[in-house]
Amino acid sequence: MQAVIFENGAARLTERPRPEPGPDEALVRVRLAGVCNTDLELLRGYMGFAGVPGHEFVGEVAAAPGRPELVGRRVVADINLGCGVCPRCRSGDPRHCPDRTTLGIAGKDGAFAEYLTVPTRAIHVVPDTVGDLEAVFAEPLAAALEPGQQLHLTARTKALVLGDGKLGILTACALRHLVPGLVLGGKHAAKLAIAAAQGVTTRQGDTAEALVQGLLQEYGRFDVVIEATGRPQGLETALDLTRPEGTVVLKTTTFAPTSLNMARVVVDEISLVGSRCGDTALALAYLRDGLVDVTPLAEASYPLAAFQAALDHASRPGAMKVIVDMDMDMEKSASGGQRG
């Protein structure tokens, strides 16, 4: 089978043997896979990664020795694969298993390949009413919903999502159902319009400084700021907008280090909450019920054979979601893979 390898800061397409599923695994033929900002950070050296990346996917089960009823079903999967026996796993929290692997990120080959194997306990069947293009967003949508599982957000919470990239937009569109007055702040009018079309209040500033000043003048400081800028400087900006005894939720992961004057956190008694992956089943329920429209975030599709072009596209400043379509041929991608 064909698969993409990240190694020494470069991506290459190679032939590899198709993996064989173990007794508690499923072999999944990948249909669509999404290029995530984390993938770009892995290529830059984040976590010292080498291997097959890709953790946002929808596929079809080709074999499942221990769960034959899954064969032929469309599925997505949790990306944190716990050992299954430690106290964390036994309590239902494999995301924080000390011996976990992470699909396409740490210790487990990912979805930028024609096939991958996943433990059947991590698999979620996609509802029939949810299309492939929607299902490929299940993992990032789960991450977007996670702050609502970590914090007691109410309709009265004064909340801001900072950053109008893919994750910021998803977070704002998802959490507005808990916090109708939530605000999404960013620099790009066209991106903010995607969220505004789904009922999100948005505010725009041409620079971070202008955005901060505009938000402070209109709203003052917020109870909760969800930092999703994708920039190392985003945490400092979030602190500028958080009230004393407020909470900053951190979604950004970058290879570049983040500097922080901790005195600001101590003096204002601000809580910092790390927020990573979320509940895939919850994300699928949101997609099934039409609570979030993810399709406007999909900007372009490329076949696996044109993965470098997909990577280049995803690396453009301001790019939205780029999809790798395993069933697309090169002729269809000759025009740049733009979605109509």
Protein backbone atom coordinates (compact mmCIF):
# COMPACT_ATOMS: atom_id res chain seq x y z
CA MET A 1 0.00 0.00 0.00
CA GLN A 2 0.99 3.65 -0.35
CA ALA A 3 1.76 5.63 2.79
CA VAL A 4 3.31 8.97 3.70
CA ILE A 5 6.38 9.04 5.93
CA PHE A 6 7.58 12.07 7.89
CA GLU A 7 11.28 11.86 8.62
CA ASN A 8 14.04 14.43 9.20
CA GLY A 9 11.77 17.35 8.32
CA ALA A 10 10.61 15.93 4.98
CA ALA A 11 7.55 14.06 3.74
CA ARG A 12 7.80 11.23 1.24
CA LEU A 13 5.34 8.82 -0.32
CA THR A 14 6.43 5.20 -0.12
CA GLU A 15 5.22 1.62 -0.55
CA ARG A 16 4.73 -0.37 2.64
CA PRO A 17 3.14 -3.73 3.45
CA ARG A 18 -0.51 -3.49 4.36
CA PRO A 19 -0.76 -3.84 8.16
CA GLU A 20 -2.35 -6.93 9.66
CA PRO A 21 -4.91 -6.38 12.43
CA GLY A 22 -4.43 -8.12 15.76
CA PRO A 23 -7.27 -9.98 17.48
CA ASP A 24 -8.55 -6.79 19.14
CA GLU A 25 -7.92 -4.49 16.16
CA ALA A 26 -9.66 -3.46 12.98
CA LEU A 27 -8.05 -2.96 9.60
CA VAL A 28 -9.51 0.24 8.15
CA ARG A 29 -9.35 1.39 4.56
CA VAL A 30 -8.99 5.15 4.76
CA ARG A 31 -11.47 7.14 2.67
CA LEU A 32 -10.65 10.72 3.68
CA ALA A 33 -7.97 12.16 5.95
CA GLY A 34 -7.58 15.76 7.06
CA VAL A 35 -4.33 17.70 7.30
CA CYS A 36 -4.13 19.23 10.77
CA ASN A 37 -1.90 22.01 12.06
CA THR A 38 -0.44 19.39 14.40
CA ASP A 39 0.74 17.48 11.32
CA LEU A 40 2.57 20.59 10.14
CA GLU A 41 4.16 20.97 13.59
CA LEU A 42 5.24 17.30 13.52
CA LEU A 43 6.98 17.94 10.22
CA ARG A 44 8.81 20.87 11.83
CA GLY A 45 10.06 18.65 14.63
CA TYR A 46 7.33 18.67 17.26
CA MET A 47 7.70 15.63 19.56
CA GLY A 48 10.62 14.35 17.46
CA PHE A 49 8.10 12.53 15.28
CA ALA A 50 9.06 10.04 12.56
CA GLY A 51 6.56 7.70 10.89
CA VAL A 52 3.15 7.78 9.20
CA PRO A 53 1.24 10.88 10.36
CA GLY A 54 -2.46 11.65 10.14
CA HIS A 55 -5.10 11.43 12.88
CA GLU A 56 -8.22 12.97 11.33
CA PHE A 57 -9.89 10.36 9.15
CA VAL A 58 -12.97 8.45 8.13
CA GLY A 59 -12.65 4.98 6.71
CA GLU A 60 -14.31 1.64 6.11
CA VAL A 61 -13.54 -1.46 8.15
CA ALA A 62 -11.96 -4.09 5.92
CA ALA A 63 -11.32 -6.70 8.62
CA ALA A 64 -11.92 -7.05 12.35
CA PRO A 65 -11.08 -10.53 13.64
CA GLY A 66 -12.73 -10.01 17.02
CA ARG A 67 -15.62 -7.80 15.81
CA PRO A 68 -16.77 -9.14 12.43
CA GLU A 69 -19.96 -7.08 12.64
CA LEU A 70 -17.83 -3.97 11.99
CA VAL A 71 -16.71 -5.10 8.53
CA GLY A 72 -18.06 -2.72 5.89
CA ARG A 73 -19.04 -0.04 8.40
CA ARG A 74 -17.83 3.55 8.08
CA VAL A 75 -15.85 4.52 11.15
CA VAL A 76 -13.75 7.16 12.86
CA ALA A 77 -11.56 6.54 15.88
CA ASP A 78 -10.28 8.00 19.10
CA ILE A 79 -6.64 8.91 18.57
CA ASN A 80 -5.38 8.27 22.11
CA LEU A 81 -4.89 4.53 22.38
CA GLY A 82 -4.47 3.47 25.98
CA CYS A 83 -3.01 0.21 27.26
CA GLY A 84 -6.44 -0.91 28.45
CA VAL A 85 -5.28 -2.20 31.84
CA CYS A 86 -3.89 0.73 33.85
CA PRO A 87 -6.05 2.63 36.39
CA ARG A 88 -6.59 5.47 33.90
CA CYS A 89 -7.84 3.13 31.20
CA ARG A 90 -9.98 1.12 33.62
CA SER A 91 -11.62 4.36 34.77
CA GLY A 92 -12.52 5.21 31.17
CA ASP A 93 -9.79 7.76 30.49
CA PRO A 94 -7.34 6.29 27.93
CA ARG A 95 -6.52 9.85 26.82
CA HIS A 96 -4.20 10.14 29.81
CA CYS A 97 -2.91 6.60 29.97
CA PRO A 98 0.81 6.87 30.82
CA ASP A 99 1.59 4.15 28.26
CA ARG A 100 -0.72 5.36 25.51
CA THR A 101 0.16 5.68 21.87
CA THR A 102 -1.42 8.43 19.76
CA LEU A 103 -2.57 7.75 16.25
CA GLY A 104 -0.28 9.44 13.73
CA ILE A 105 1.48 11.39 16.49
CA ALA A 106 3.27 9.07 18.91
CA GLY A 107 3.98 5.37 18.57
CA LYS A 108 1.18 4.43 16.17
CA ASP A 109 1.12 4.83 12.38
CA GLY A 110 -1.61 7.18 11.23
CA ALA A 111 -4.10 7.83 8.47
CA PHE A 112 -2.01 9.24 5.61
CA ALA A 113 -1.94 5.75 4.17
CA GLU A 114 -4.34 3.53 2.29
CA TYR A 115 -4.87 1.34 5.36
CA LEU A 116 -4.29 1.57 9.10
CA THR A 117 -5.08 -0.56 12.13
CA VAL A 118 -6.94 0.71 15.18
CA PRO A 119 -8.01 -1.07 18.39
CA THR A 120 -11.70 -1.88 18.09
CA ARG A 121 -12.34 -0.32 21.50
CA ALA A 122 -11.35 3.06 19.97
CA ILE A 123 -13.67 2.81 16.97
CA HIS A 124 -16.90 4.76 16.52
CA VAL A 125 -19.38 3.88 13.79
CA VAL A 126 -20.41 6.93 11.74
CA PRO A 127 -24.19 7.54 11.59
CA ASP A 128 -25.67 6.95 8.15
CA THR A 129 -26.85 10.57 7.94
CA VAL A 130 -23.30 11.93 8.40
CA GLY A 131 -21.31 12.18 5.17
CA ASP A 132 -17.63 11.39 4.80
CA LEU A 133 -16.68 15.05 4.54
CA GLU A 134 -18.44 15.75 7.83
CA ALA A 135 -17.09 12.65 9.55
CA VAL A 136 -13.46 13.53 8.81
CA PHE A 137 -13.98 16.50 11.15
CA ALA A 138 -15.03 14.30 14.09
CA GLU A 139 -11.64 14.45 15.82
CA PRO A 140 -11.12 18.24 15.62
CA LEU A 141 -14.77 18.85 16.51
CA ALA A 142 -14.33 16.66 19.59
CA ALA A 143 -11.34 18.80 20.57
CA ALA A 144 -13.42 21.93 19.99
CA LEU A 145 -16.14 20.66 22.31
CA GLU A 146 -13.74 19.64 25.08
CA PRO A 147 -13.70 23.00 26.97
CA GLY A 148 -17.43 22.54 27.49
CA GLN A 149 -16.67 19.22 29.21
CA GLN A 150 -13.86 20.66 31.33
CA LEU A 151 -15.52 23.86 32.56
CA HIS A 152 -18.95 24.72 33.88
CA LEU A 153 -19.94 26.99 31.01
CA THR A 154 -23.39 28.56 31.26
CA ALA A 155 -25.47 30.98 29.24
CA ARG A 156 -24.20 33.74 31.54
CA THR A 157 -20.50 32.96 31.10
CA LYS A 158 -18.69 35.83 29.42
CA ALA A 159 -16.59 33.81 26.98
CA LEU A 160 -14.21 34.55 24.13
CA VAL A 161 -12.62 32.24 21.58
CA LEU A 162 -9.39 33.83 20.41
CA GLY A 163 -8.26 32.89 16.90
CA ASP A 164 -10.20 32.43 13.66
CA GLY A 165 -8.38 29.41 12.31
CA LYS A 166 -10.04 26.04 11.82
CA LEU A 167 -10.04 25.08 15.49
CA GLY A 168 -11.15 28.50 16.66
CA ILE A 169 -14.10 28.50 14.29
CA LEU A 170 -15.08 24.95 15.26
CA THR A 171 -14.82 25.80 18.95
CA ALA A 172 -16.97 28.90 18.63
CA CYS A 173 -19.62 27.17 16.51
CA ALA A 174 -19.79 24.21 18.90
CA LEU A 175 -19.73 26.03 22.23
CA ARG A 176 -22.24 28.71 21.24
CA HIS A 177 -24.91 26.11 22.09
CA LEU A 178 -23.74 26.31 25.71
CA VAL A 179 -22.86 30.02 25.70
CA PRO A 180 -25.12 31.87 23.24
CA GLY A 181 -23.28 35.16 23.81
CA LEU A 182 -19.84 33.72 23.13
CA VAL A 183 -17.57 35.94 21.00
CA LEU A 184 -15.05 34.80 18.38
CA GLY A 185 -12.18 37.23 17.85
CA GLY A 186 -9.81 37.14 14.90
CA LYS A 187 -8.08 39.02 12.10
CA HIS A 188 -9.76 37.69 8.96
CA ALA A 189 -13.21 38.86 7.95
CA ALA A 190 -13.81 35.97 5.53
CA LYS A 191 -13.04 33.36 8.17
CA LEU A 192 -15.10 35.09 10.83
CA ALA A 193 -17.99 35.09 8.37
CA ILE A 194 -18.06 31.27 8.44
CA ALA A 195 -18.79 31.36 12.16
CA ALA A 196 -21.14 34.33 11.90
CA ALA A 197 -23.26 32.38 9.41
CA GLN A 198 -23.81 29.82 12.18
CA GLY A 199 -24.95 32.36 14.74
CA VAL A 200 -21.63 33.23 16.39
CA THR A 201 -20.93 36.81 17.45
CA THR A 202 -17.62 37.83 15.86
CA ARG A 203 -15.21 40.73 16.22
CA GLN A 204 -12.31 41.55 13.88
CA GLY A 205 -9.03 43.40 14.31
CA ASP A 206 -6.29 43.79 11.72
CA THR A 207 -3.60 43.13 14.36
CA ALA A 208 -3.60 41.37 17.72
CA GLU A 209 -3.21 44.73 19.42
CA ALA A 210 -6.16 46.25 17.57
CA LEU A 211 -8.30 43.22 18.33
CA VAL A 212 -7.46 43.35 22.04
CA GLN A 213 -8.20 47.07 22.28
CA GLY A 214 -11.49 46.71 20.43
CA LEU A 215 -12.64 43.80 22.60
CA LEU A 216 -11.65 45.54 25.83
CA GLN A 217 -13.47 48.71 24.86
CA GLU A 218 -16.66 46.84 23.96
CA TYR A 219 -16.72 43.99 26.48
CA GLY A 220 -14.05 44.55 29.11
CA ARG A 221 -12.28 41.41 30.30
CA PHE A 222 -13.79 37.96 29.88
CA ASP A 223 -14.54 35.20 32.38
CA VAL A 224 -13.16 32.55 30.03
CA VAL A 225 -10.80 32.97 27.08
CA ILE A 226 -10.20 29.95 24.86
CA GLU A 227 -6.84 30.48 23.15
CA ALA A 228 -6.83 28.89 19.68
CA THR A 229 -4.55 31.22 17.76
CA GLY A 230 -1.94 28.62 16.84
CA ARG A 231 0.72 31.20 17.74
CA PRO A 232 3.27 31.07 20.59
CA GLN A 233 2.25 34.64 21.49
CA GLY A 234 -1.42 33.71 21.80
CA LEU A 235 -1.27 32.98 25.53
CA GLU A 236 -0.05 36.48 26.35
CA THR A 237 -2.86 37.93 24.24
CA ALA A 238 -5.38 35.73 26.02
CA LEU A 239 -4.15 36.94 29.41
CA ASP A 240 -4.67 40.55 28.28
CA LEU A 241 -8.35 39.70 27.83
CA THR A 242 -9.00 37.62 30.97
CA ARG A 243 -10.42 39.09 34.17
CA PRO A 244 -8.85 38.45 37.56
CA GLU A 245 -9.82 34.96 38.76
CA GLY A 246 -10.83 34.12 35.20
CA THR A 247 -9.76 31.12 33.14
CA VAL A 248 -7.63 30.72 30.04
CA VAL A 249 -8.14 27.48 28.11
CA LEU A 250 -5.11 26.56 26.03
CA LYS A 251 -5.67 24.80 22.70
CA THR A 252 -2.47 25.79 20.84
CA THR A 253 0.41 23.34 20.43
CA THR A 254 3.47 24.56 18.54
CA PHE A 255 7.04 23.43 18.01
CA ALA A 256 8.17 26.95 18.90
CA PRO A 257 8.37 27.59 22.67
CA THR A 258 5.84 29.80 24.43
CA SER A 259 7.15 32.41 26.86
CA LEU A 260 4.98 33.66 29.69
CA ASN A 261 5.32 36.16 32.52
CA MET A 262 3.89 33.97 35.28
CA ALA A 263 3.59 36.97 37.60
CA ARG A 264 0.48 38.00 35.65
CA VAL A 265 -1.09 34.62 36.34
CA VAL A 266 -0.20 34.71 40.03
CA VAL A 267 -1.24 38.31 40.72
CA ASP A 268 -4.59 38.01 38.92
CA GLU A 269 -5.13 34.43 40.15
CA ILE A 270 -5.91 33.23 36.65
CA SER A 271 -6.51 29.54 36.04
CA LEU A 272 -4.74 27.94 33.09
CA VAL A 273 -6.49 24.88 31.66
CA GLY A 274 -4.85 22.69 29.06
CA SER A 275 -7.36 21.29 26.58
CA ARG A 276 -6.47 18.64 24.06
CA CYS A 277 -8.62 15.89 22.58
CA GLY A 278 -12.29 15.36 23.30
CA ASP A 279 -15.19 12.92 23.15
CA THR A 280 -15.55 11.50 19.63
CA ALA A 281 -19.04 10.16 20.34
CA LEU A 282 -20.17 13.65 21.36
CA ALA A 283 -18.74 15.12 18.16
CA LEU A 284 -20.56 12.53 16.04
CA ALA A 285 -23.80 13.38 17.87
CA TYR A 286 -23.32 17.07 17.05
CA LEU A 287 -22.75 16.17 13.39
CA ARG A 288 -25.74 13.79 13.34
CA ASP A 289 -28.02 16.44 14.81
CA GLY A 290 -26.74 19.22 12.53
CA LEU A 291 -25.59 21.40 15.43
CA VAL A 292 -22.39 22.43 13.63
CA ASP A 293 -21.84 22.74 9.88
CA VAL A 294 -18.22 21.78 9.30
CA THR A 295 -18.29 21.67 5.50
CA PRO A 296 -17.45 25.38 4.92
CA LEU A 297 -14.08 24.70 6.55
CA ALA A 298 -13.05 22.25 3.81
CA GLU A 299 -11.01 24.24 1.31
CA ALA A 300 -9.40 21.70 -1.02
CA SER A 301 -8.96 17.99 -1.69
CA TYR A 302 -5.97 16.11 -3.09
CA PRO A 303 -5.23 12.44 -3.80
CA LEU A 304 -2.66 10.63 -1.72
CA ALA A 305 -0.31 10.62 -4.71
CA ALA A 306 -0.27 14.44 -4.52
CA PHE A 307 0.34 14.58 -0.78
CA GLN A 308 3.17 17.09 -1.08
CA ALA A 309 0.81 19.47 -2.89
CA ALA A 310 -1.74 18.95 -0.13
CA LEU A 311 0.91 19.69 2.47
CA ASP A 312 2.04 22.82 0.63
CA HIS A 313 -1.56 24.01 0.41
CA ALA A 314 -2.20 23.36 4.12
CA SER A 315 0.99 25.29 4.95
CA ARG A 316 -0.24 28.48 3.27
CA PRO A 317 -0.97 31.27 5.74
CA GLY A 318 -4.68 31.29 6.49
CA ALA A 319 -5.41 27.95 4.78
CA MET A 320 -8.53 26.15 5.88
CA LYS A 321 -8.94 22.37 6.00
CA VAL A 322 -7.14 20.40 3.30
CA ILE A 323 -8.44 16.87 2.69
CA VAL A 324 -6.54 13.86 1.36
CA ASP A 325 -9.03 11.80 -0.66
CA MET A 326 -7.84 8.22 -1.15
CA ASP A 327 -10.30 7.67 -4.02
CA MET A 328 -9.38 10.82 -5.97
CA ASP A 329 -7.23 10.42 -9.07
CA MET A 330 -4.48 12.79 -10.17
CA GLU A 331 -6.52 14.19 -13.08
CA LYS A 332 -9.15 15.55 -10.69
CA SER A 333 -6.44 17.26 -8.66
CA ALA A 334 -4.73 18.90 -11.64
CA SER A 335 -6.61 22.15 -11.03
CA GLY A 336 -5.29 22.42 -7.49
CA GLY A 337 -7.88 20.30 -5.74
CA GLN A 338 -10.14 23.24 -5.00
CA ARG A 339 -13.56 22.34 -3.62
CA GLY A 340 -16.54 23.82 -5.36
